[in-house]
Amino acid sequence: MLAEVIPAAHKAGLRVLARIDPSCAPKLLAAEHPEWFTRDQQGNFCEVSEHYVTCPNAGYYHERMMEVVREILTRYDADGI
């Protein structure tokens, strides 16, 4: 989507900030990396609609989000993140 939005916005004289929100992730990812998610007192994942809340001290923030930021910086002409 960024590959389409950024050139169109720049053509219109607009700047584009790429916003990422690592606070939640798709539930399917919890099967692969359960350690990336917060739990309640009973040990259940904390839900927000179709997502689970991620733990800011876990790999989702420090591994996955670094990959996302690297991709944005190298593949797209965003004006900021």
Protein backbone atom coordinates (compact mmCIF):
# COMPACT_ATOMS: atom_id res chain seq x y z
CA MET A 1 0.00 0.00 0.00
CA LEU A 2 2.84 2.40 0.77
CA ALA A 3 4.25 1.79 -2.70
CA GLU A 4 1.03 3.25 -4.14
CA VAL A 5 0.25 5.95 -1.58
CA ILE A 6 3.65 7.63 -1.31
CA PRO A 7 4.15 8.53 -4.99
CA ALA A 8 0.56 9.77 -5.28
CA ALA A 9 0.91 11.89 -2.15
CA HIS A 10 4.23 13.33 -3.26
CA LYS A 11 2.76 14.17 -6.65
CA ALA A 12 0.01 16.10 -4.82
CA GLY A 13 2.62 17.95 -2.75
CA LEU A 14 1.98 16.00 0.44
CA ARG A 15 4.45 14.37 2.80
CA VAL A 16 3.92 10.86 4.11
CA LEU A 17 4.68 9.56 7.59
CA ALA A 18 4.68 5.76 7.89
CA ARG A 19 3.06 4.92 11.21
CA ILE A 20 3.55 1.54 12.82
CA ASP A 21 1.80 0.30 15.96
CA PRO A 22 3.51 -2.67 17.58
CA SER A 23 1.11 -2.80 20.55
CA CYS A 24 -0.95 -5.63 19.01
CA ALA A 25 -0.38 -8.41 16.50
CA PRO A 26 -2.54 -10.99 14.71
CA LYS A 27 -3.67 -13.91 16.86
CA LEU A 28 -2.19 -16.40 14.39
CA LEU A 29 1.29 -15.16 15.28
CA ALA A 30 0.80 -16.33 18.88
CA ALA A 31 0.99 -19.97 17.82
CA GLU A 32 4.44 -19.34 16.37
CA HIS A 33 5.72 -16.92 19.06
CA PRO A 34 3.62 -17.11 22.26
CA GLU A 35 6.45 -15.41 24.17
CA TRP A 36 5.81 -12.16 22.26
CA PHE A 37 2.41 -11.59 23.88
CA THR A 38 1.10 -10.38 27.25
CA ARG A 39 -1.02 -12.63 29.45
CA ASP A 40 -3.66 -11.99 32.08
CA GLN A 41 -3.54 -13.43 35.62
CA GLN A 42 -5.03 -16.71 34.37
CA GLY A 43 -2.38 -17.03 31.64
CA ASN A 44 -4.68 -16.14 28.74
CA PHE A 45 -3.59 -13.85 25.94
CA CYS A 46 -4.97 -10.30 26.24
CA GLU A 47 -7.30 -9.66 23.29
CA VAL A 48 -8.08 -6.52 21.33
CA SER A 49 -10.60 -7.40 18.59
CA GLU A 50 -8.86 -9.86 16.24
CA HIS A 51 -5.43 -9.21 17.77
CA TYR A 52 -3.49 -10.03 20.92
CA VAL A 53 -1.60 -7.40 22.91
CA THR A 54 2.16 -7.70 22.48
CA CYS A 55 4.73 -7.40 25.25
CA PRO A 56 7.05 -4.39 24.84
CA ASN A 57 9.89 -6.40 26.40
CA ALA A 58 9.63 -9.29 23.96
CA GLY A 59 10.87 -10.10 20.50
CA TYR A 60 7.96 -8.61 18.61
CA TYR A 61 9.19 -5.12 19.44
CA HIS A 62 12.90 -5.88 19.15
CA GLU A 63 12.93 -8.33 16.24
CA ARG A 64 9.83 -8.03 14.08
CA MET A 65 9.42 -4.27 14.33
CA MET A 66 13.07 -3.69 13.42
CA GLU A 67 12.43 -5.69 10.24
CA VAL A 68 9.39 -3.52 9.47
CA VAL A 69 11.30 -0.28 10.06
CA ARG A 70 14.20 -1.51 7.93
CA GLU A 71 11.78 -2.36 5.11
CA ILE A 72 10.14 1.07 5.26
CA LEU A 73 13.49 2.86 5.24
CA THR A 74 14.95 0.84 2.36
CA ARG A 75 11.97 0.16 0.09
CA TYR A 76 9.80 3.27 0.34
CA ASP A 77 10.30 7.00 -0.01
CA ALA A 78 8.43 7.87 3.20
CA ASP A 79 9.19 11.28 4.66
CA GLY A 80 9.36 9.90 8.18
CA ILE A 81 8.29 7.13 10.50
